[in-house]
């Protein structure tokens, strides 16, 4: 078996704002496997500034994988426990290699019957006019669930935006989720959650920075607004520690980003613990290209979670890889009449 890695730089159509700053580009790595005339591809979606494995020596670790591919998938996954994005790319690449079609990894109605996965429309941070423009576009596209990034501009401006949506659309019309990316301080968090709860929101992701278990536990116990853990899960790789985290904090929801929590195997472990503790969950992509997004979507479809998932980021880039993935009327679906841009993929293999 031959393995190669190739770095690829995704360019945002519009600079995208988060509480961690403005994103203009996104690095990613593709892992290619070749064996007996077949090939497979996986995406290692490193997220600078957020990924647990954003460390010096990341590219060297990718090289190490290519040099040790003979160890096999199981052993490599064990040795890559501190590199979740590489674990995810490796899982994809082996699934792709073993499949009769390198882009069809999991059987489901999503793939076989073009059944859409309900997704949220993502609204990025920016000035009031820009955010209102995005909201209107999402509503026109038929989304019934909108996720809005908050925490980077003035809180009162964000509240005014959310109020303006609620004045036009009730919670029966539009489900609103917000993501603070840890922007609130523990002292102010509860008072802000009380203000937000009056707007009939579905939930808030990561109101305070991760790692503050005691403060987060207090928030989840007293919050008037359901809390979803996101960044809190990153870097927790031991199953006992995962159990301890969820039992200690006892959140209302957890959010699985396979690139950040150890691929499908790591995500499945979190889901199993969440179910045992009666916690809700959903899946979100983490700015992968269509290669990674396709894998996440196909896996998500097998989980039969009817909540809107966070899988609508494929249209953010100017140089994404053309694929059968399409968003229509608030859903992501696999249009079998469309083809993958195999020419670009083959050029990356070289």
Protein backbone atom coordinates (compact mmCIF):
# COMPACT_ATOMS: atom_id res chain seq x y z
CA UNK A 1 0.00 0.00 0.00
CA UNK A 2 1.20 3.49 -0.87
CA UNK A 3 0.20 6.59 1.12
CA UNK A 4 0.75 10.26 0.29
CA UNK A 5 -0.32 13.57 1.87
CA UNK A 6 -1.05 16.83 0.08
CA UNK A 7 -1.70 20.21 1.69
CA UNK A 8 -4.53 22.31 0.23
CA UNK A 9 -5.49 25.91 1.05
CA UNK A 10 -9.20 26.71 0.95
CA UNK A 11 -10.11 30.35 0.27
CA UNK A 12 -13.22 31.89 1.83
CA UNK A 13 -15.61 33.68 -0.52
CA UNK A 14 -16.08 36.30 2.18
CA UNK A 15 -13.91 36.86 5.28
CA UNK A 16 -15.78 34.98 8.01
CA UNK A 17 -15.86 36.33 11.55
CA UNK A 18 -15.76 34.35 14.78
CA UNK A 19 -14.97 35.40 18.35
CA UNK A 20 -11.43 34.15 17.61
CA UNK A 21 -10.95 36.53 14.70
CA UNK A 22 -11.50 36.81 10.95
CA UNK A 23 -10.98 33.74 8.76
CA UNK A 24 -9.82 34.26 5.16
CA UNK A 25 -8.21 30.90 4.40
CA UNK A 26 -8.38 27.39 5.83
CA UNK A 27 -5.58 24.84 5.58
CA UNK A 28 -6.41 21.20 5.09
CA UNK A 29 -4.54 18.00 4.19
CA UNK A 30 -5.65 15.16 1.94
CA UNK A 31 -4.47 11.61 2.56
CA UNK A 32 -4.37 9.35 -0.51
CA UNK A 33 -4.07 5.57 -0.33
CA UNK A 34 -3.32 3.31 -3.29
CA UNK A 35 -3.40 -0.47 -3.35
CA UNK A 36 -3.86 -3.00 -6.15
CA UNK A 37 -5.11 -0.45 -8.64
CA UNK A 38 -7.62 1.11 -6.21
CA UNK A 39 -7.38 4.43 -4.39
CA UNK A 40 -8.95 6.13 -1.40
CA UNK A 41 -9.02 9.67 -0.10
CA UNK A 42 -9.53 11.24 3.32
CA UNK A 43 -9.34 14.78 4.65
CA UNK A 44 -7.38 15.75 7.74
CA UNK A 45 -9.23 18.93 8.67
CA UNK A 46 -6.79 20.74 10.93
CA UNK A 47 -8.37 23.90 12.36
CA UNK A 48 -5.68 26.42 13.30
CA UNK A 49 -6.20 27.95 16.74
CA UNK A 50 -8.85 25.40 17.70
CA UNK A 51 -7.69 21.87 16.90
CA UNK A 52 -6.12 19.88 19.72
CA UNK A 53 -3.46 18.80 17.21
CA UNK A 54 -2.52 22.31 16.03
CA UNK A 55 1.04 21.76 17.22
CA UNK A 56 4.55 22.07 15.78
CA UNK A 57 5.33 18.89 13.91
CA UNK A 58 1.87 18.33 12.45
CA UNK A 59 3.19 17.90 8.90
CA UNK A 60 5.95 15.65 10.21
CA UNK A 61 3.27 13.47 11.78
CA UNK A 62 1.51 13.27 8.42
CA UNK A 63 4.79 12.11 6.89
CA UNK A 64 5.18 9.55 9.68
CA UNK A 65 1.76 8.11 8.75
CA UNK A 66 2.81 7.66 5.11
CA UNK A 67 6.00 5.91 6.21
CA UNK A 68 4.14 3.61 8.60
CA UNK A 69 0.95 2.89 6.66
CA UNK A 70 1.92 -0.80 6.77
CA UNK A 71 0.94 -0.83 10.47
CA UNK A 72 -2.69 -0.81 9.38
CA UNK A 73 -5.70 1.28 10.34
CA UNK A 74 -6.31 -0.05 13.87
CA UNK A 75 -2.74 0.37 15.10
CA UNK A 76 -2.31 3.77 13.44
CA UNK A 77 -5.50 5.10 15.04
CA UNK A 78 -4.18 4.05 18.45
CA UNK A 79 -0.88 5.82 17.87
CA UNK A 80 -2.59 8.97 16.56
CA UNK A 81 -4.76 9.52 19.65
CA UNK A 82 -3.34 13.04 20.07
CA UNK A 83 -3.92 13.87 16.38
CA UNK A 84 -7.73 13.66 15.96
CA UNK A 85 -7.82 15.32 12.55
CA UNK A 86 -5.33 12.79 11.17
CA UNK A 87 -7.36 9.98 12.75
CA UNK A 88 -10.40 11.29 10.90
CA UNK A 89 -8.57 11.50 7.57
CA UNK A 90 -7.20 7.99 8.05
CA UNK A 91 -10.65 6.53 8.79
CA UNK A 92 -12.04 8.17 5.65
CA UNK A 93 -9.16 7.06 3.45
CA UNK A 94 -9.49 3.39 4.47
CA UNK A 95 -13.29 3.49 4.04
CA UNK A 96 -12.79 5.09 0.64
CA UNK A 97 -10.19 2.51 -0.40
CA UNK A 98 -12.42 -0.40 0.62
CA UNK A 99 -15.52 0.98 -1.10
CA UNK A 100 -16.53 0.21 -4.67
CA UNK A 101 -16.87 3.98 -5.12
CA UNK A 102 -14.20 6.07 -3.31
CA UNK A 103 -16.76 8.79 -2.50
CA UNK A 104 -19.52 6.54 -1.16
CA UNK A 105 -18.53 5.47 2.34
CA UNK A 106 -21.76 4.62 4.20
CA UNK A 107 -25.01 3.13 2.95
CA UNK A 108 -28.07 5.18 3.89
CA UNK A 109 -31.14 6.79 2.37
CA UNK A 110 -29.06 10.00 2.14
CA UNK A 111 -26.84 8.30 -0.43
CA UNK A 112 -29.17 5.77 -2.01
CA UNK A 113 -32.46 7.73 -2.11
CA UNK A 114 -31.14 11.30 -2.03
CA UNK A 115 -32.97 11.88 1.25
CA UNK A 116 -31.83 15.28 2.60
CA UNK A 117 -30.32 15.85 6.04
CA UNK A 118 -31.94 18.80 7.80
CA UNK A 119 -29.25 21.42 8.53
CA UNK A 120 -28.98 24.84 10.12
CA UNK A 121 -28.17 27.94 8.10
CA UNK A 122 -24.99 29.53 9.44
CA UNK A 123 -24.78 33.30 9.95
CA UNK A 124 -21.27 34.67 10.48
CA UNK A 125 -20.27 37.58 12.70
CA UNK A 126 -19.93 41.01 11.18
CA UNK A 127 -21.57 44.40 11.26
CA UNK A 128 -25.33 44.66 11.64
CA UNK A 129 -26.03 45.13 7.94
CA UNK A 130 -23.91 42.13 6.94
CA UNK A 131 -25.54 39.85 9.50
CA UNK A 132 -29.04 40.97 8.55
CA UNK A 133 -28.20 40.31 4.90
CA UNK A 134 -27.08 36.77 5.73
CA UNK A 135 -30.19 36.10 7.79
CA UNK A 136 -32.47 37.22 4.97
CA UNK A 137 -30.57 35.03 2.49
CA UNK A 138 -30.92 31.96 4.74
CA UNK A 139 -34.63 32.52 5.18
CA UNK A 140 -35.12 32.93 1.43
CA UNK A 141 -33.28 29.62 0.93
CA UNK A 142 -35.85 27.84 3.04
CA UNK A 143 -33.95 27.26 6.27
CA UNK A 144 -36.14 26.67 9.31
CA UNK A 145 -33.13 26.57 11.67
CA UNK A 146 -30.55 29.38 11.82
CA UNK A 147 -27.33 29.33 13.80
CA UNK A 148 -25.84 32.73 14.55
CA UNK A 149 -22.31 33.36 15.75
CA UNK A 150 -22.26 35.85 18.63
CA UNK A 151 -19.58 37.33 20.87
CA UNK A 152 -17.46 39.30 18.42
CA UNK A 153 -19.52 42.49 18.10
CA UNK A 154 -21.45 44.51 20.68
CA UNK A 155 -23.82 42.26 22.69
CA UNK A 156 -26.67 44.79 22.53
CA UNK A 157 -26.36 44.89 18.72
CA UNK A 158 -26.56 41.09 18.60
CA UNK A 159 -29.64 41.14 20.86
CA UNK A 160 -31.24 43.73 18.58
CA UNK A 161 -30.60 41.48 15.58
CA UNK A 162 -32.11 38.47 17.30
CA UNK A 163 -35.11 40.55 18.42
CA UNK A 164 -35.67 41.73 14.85
CA UNK A 165 -35.80 38.08 13.70
CA UNK A 166 -38.24 37.14 16.46
CA UNK A 167 -40.47 40.09 15.60
CA UNK A 168 -40.90 38.61 12.12
CA UNK A 169 -40.67 34.89 12.86
CA UNK A 170 -41.93 32.99 15.89
CA UNK A 171 -40.09 30.01 17.35
CA UNK A 172 -42.59 27.81 15.51
CA UNK A 173 -41.42 29.39 12.23
CA UNK A 174 -37.68 29.57 12.85
CA UNK A 175 -35.45 27.69 15.30
CA UNK A 176 -32.62 29.98 16.43
CA UNK A 177 -29.34 28.68 17.79
CA UNK A 178 -26.43 30.85 18.90
CA UNK A 179 -22.75 30.00 19.26
CA UNK A 180 -20.63 32.12 21.60
CA UNK A 181 -17.36 30.20 21.06
CA UNK A 182 -16.48 30.86 24.71
CA UNK A 183 -16.87 34.64 24.40
CA UNK A 184 -18.59 35.29 27.76
CA UNK A 185 -16.81 35.56 31.10
CA UNK A 186 -18.10 33.30 33.87
CA UNK A 187 -19.27 36.35 35.86
CA UNK A 188 -21.43 37.77 33.07
CA UNK A 189 -22.55 34.52 31.43
CA UNK A 190 -25.71 33.82 33.45
CA UNK A 191 -27.07 37.36 33.09
CA UNK A 192 -26.48 37.21 29.32
CA UNK A 193 -28.13 33.80 29.09
CA UNK A 194 -31.20 35.22 30.86
CA UNK A 195 -31.43 38.02 28.28
CA UNK A 196 -30.97 35.57 25.40
CA UNK A 197 -33.55 33.14 26.79
CA UNK A 198 -36.30 35.77 26.40
CA UNK A 199 -35.82 35.45 22.63
CA UNK A 200 -36.97 31.80 22.66
CA UNK A 201 -33.69 30.36 21.38
CA UNK A 202 -33.09 26.64 20.96
CA UNK A 203 -29.66 26.63 22.62
CA UNK A 204 -26.30 28.33 23.03
CA UNK A 205 -22.99 26.68 22.23
CA UNK A 206 -20.03 27.06 24.58
CA UNK A 207 -20.97 30.28 26.44
CA UNK A 208 -17.68 30.34 28.38
CA UNK A 209 -14.21 29.10 27.47
CA UNK A 210 -13.56 25.40 27.81
CA UNK A 211 -11.68 23.93 30.76
CA UNK A 212 -13.76 25.63 33.46
CA UNK A 213 -15.70 22.56 34.53
CA UNK A 214 -16.96 23.95 37.84
CA UNK A 215 -18.19 27.20 36.29
CA UNK A 216 -19.78 25.36 33.36
CA UNK A 217 -21.48 22.93 35.73
CA UNK A 218 -23.04 25.85 37.62
CA UNK A 219 -24.20 27.41 34.36
CA UNK A 220 -25.76 24.18 33.05
CA UNK A 221 -27.56 23.69 36.37
CA UNK A 222 -29.07 27.19 36.53
CA UNK A 223 -29.33 28.25 32.88
CA UNK A 224 -32.71 29.31 31.47
CA UNK A 225 -31.34 28.44 28.01
CA UNK A 226 -30.09 24.96 27.01
CA UNK A 227 -26.30 24.78 26.74
CA UNK A 228 -24.38 22.71 24.19
CA UNK A 229 -20.74 21.81 24.79
CA UNK A 230 -18.52 22.21 21.75
CA UNK A 231 -14.90 23.22 22.34
CA UNK A 232 -15.20 21.59 25.78
CA UNK A 233 -14.87 18.16 24.14
CA UNK A 234 -11.64 18.96 22.29
CA UNK A 235 -8.54 17.28 23.69
CA UNK A 236 -10.46 14.86 25.92
CA UNK A 237 -9.37 11.52 24.47
CA UNK A 238 -9.63 9.08 27.38
CA UNK A 239 -13.03 7.39 27.70
CA UNK A 240 -12.97 7.67 31.51
CA UNK A 241 -12.23 11.39 31.24
CA UNK A 242 -15.09 11.77 28.72
CA UNK A 243 -17.48 10.13 31.16
CA UNK A 244 -16.22 12.31 34.01
CA UNK A 245 -16.64 15.49 31.95
CA UNK A 246 -20.24 14.81 30.95
CA UNK A 247 -21.27 13.53 34.37
CA UNK A 248 -19.66 16.54 36.08
CA UNK A 249 -20.95 19.31 33.81
CA UNK A 250 -24.22 17.58 32.81
CA UNK A 251 -24.95 19.80 29.79
CA UNK A 252 -28.19 19.76 27.85
CA UNK A 253 -26.39 18.91 24.57
CA UNK A 254 -23.00 18.05 23.13
CA UNK A 255 -21.81 18.81 19.60
CA UNK A 256 -19.63 16.40 17.65
CA UNK A 257 -17.05 17.66 15.18
CA UNK A 258 -15.29 14.53 13.88
CA UNK A 259 -12.18 16.46 12.77
CA UNK A 260 -11.71 17.73 16.32
CA UNK A 261 -12.72 14.77 18.48
CA UNK A 262 -11.07 11.77 16.82
CA UNK A 263 -13.12 11.02 13.74
CA UNK A 264 -16.05 8.63 13.64
CA UNK A 265 -14.68 6.37 16.39
CA UNK A 266 -14.10 9.28 18.78
CA UNK A 267 -17.50 10.80 17.97
CA UNK A 268 -19.28 7.47 18.44
CA UNK A 269 -17.69 7.15 21.87
CA UNK A 270 -19.01 10.58 22.89
CA UNK A 271 -22.49 9.76 21.54
CA UNK A 272 -22.60 6.49 23.49
CA UNK A 273 -21.73 8.27 26.76
CA UNK A 274 -24.23 11.06 26.02
CA UNK A 275 -27.03 8.55 25.47
CA UNK A 276 -26.23 6.79 28.75
CA UNK A 277 -26.55 10.15 30.52
CA UNK A 278 -29.71 11.19 28.63
CA UNK A 279 -27.98 14.12 26.92
CA UNK A 280 -28.91 15.44 23.50
CA UNK A 281 -26.38 15.75 20.68
CA UNK A 282 -25.90 16.73 17.05
CA UNK A 283 -23.10 16.72 14.48
CA UNK A 284 -21.30 19.71 12.99
CA UNK A 285 -18.63 20.02 10.32
CA UNK A 286 -15.55 22.14 11.02
CA UNK A 287 -14.83 23.98 7.76
CA UNK A 288 -13.69 20.91 5.87
CA UNK A 289 -13.70 20.81 2.08
CA UNK A 290 -16.39 18.78 0.36
CA UNK A 291 -14.25 15.65 0.83
CA UNK A 292 -14.53 15.79 4.61
CA UNK A 293 -18.06 17.19 4.56
CA UNK A 294 -19.20 14.30 2.35
CA UNK A 295 -17.79 11.77 4.79
CA UNK A 296 -19.35 13.49 7.81
CA UNK A 297 -22.74 13.79 6.08
CA UNK A 298 -22.84 10.14 5.03
CA UNK A 299 -21.90 9.00 8.55
CA UNK A 300 -24.40 11.39 10.15
CA UNK A 301 -27.18 10.00 7.98
CA UNK A 302 -26.64 6.56 9.53
CA UNK A 303 -27.24 7.95 13.05
CA UNK A 304 -30.91 8.83 12.43
CA UNK A 305 -30.81 12.03 14.47
CA UNK A 306 -33.76 14.12 13.29
CA UNK A 307 -32.47 17.43 14.69
CA UNK A 308 -31.00 19.95 12.21
CA UNK A 309 -27.28 19.21 11.89
CA UNK A 310 -24.46 21.71 11.34
CA UNK A 311 -23.37 20.56 7.89
CA UNK A 312 -23.86 23.54 5.61
CA UNK A 313 -20.33 24.93 5.22
CA UNK A 314 -19.47 23.50 1.79
CA UNK A 315 -20.42 26.69 -0.06
CA UNK A 316 -18.07 28.97 1.89
CA UNK A 317 -15.01 28.51 -0.33
CA UNK A 318 -14.10 29.73 -3.81
CA UNK A 319 -11.93 26.70 -4.58
CA UNK A 320 -13.81 23.83 -2.97
CA UNK A 321 -13.83 20.50 -4.80
CA UNK A 322 -16.95 20.21 -6.95
CA UNK A 323 -19.13 17.42 -5.62
CA UNK A 324 -22.69 16.03 -5.68
CA UNK A 325 -23.41 17.73 -2.33
CA UNK A 326 -26.14 20.36 -2.63
CA UNK A 327 -28.14 22.47 -0.20
CA UNK A 328 -31.81 23.01 -0.96
CA UNK A 329 -34.73 24.16 1.19
CA UNK A 330 -32.76 23.86 4.42
CA UNK A 331 -31.40 20.40 3.69
CA UNK A 332 -28.14 18.86 2.50
CA UNK A 333 -28.49 16.12 -0.09
CA UNK A 334 -26.36 14.00 -2.42
CA UNK A 335 -27.33 14.66 -6.03
CA UNK A 336 -26.29 11.48 -7.83
CA UNK A 337 -26.66 13.22 -11.20
CA UNK A 338 -23.68 15.45 -10.35
CA UNK A 339 -20.06 14.33 -10.47
CA UNK A 340 -16.98 14.87 -8.35
CA UNK A 341 -14.17 16.98 -9.81
CA UNK A 342 -11.86 14.02 -10.17
CA UNK A 343 -9.45 16.03 -12.34
CA UNK A 344 -8.65 18.30 -9.40
CA UNK A 345 -8.38 15.36 -7.04
CA UNK A 346 -6.02 13.52 -9.41
CA UNK A 347 -3.88 16.64 -9.74
CA UNK A 348 -3.58 16.73 -5.96
CA UNK A 349 -2.45 13.10 -5.92
CA UNK A 350 0.57 13.86 -8.08
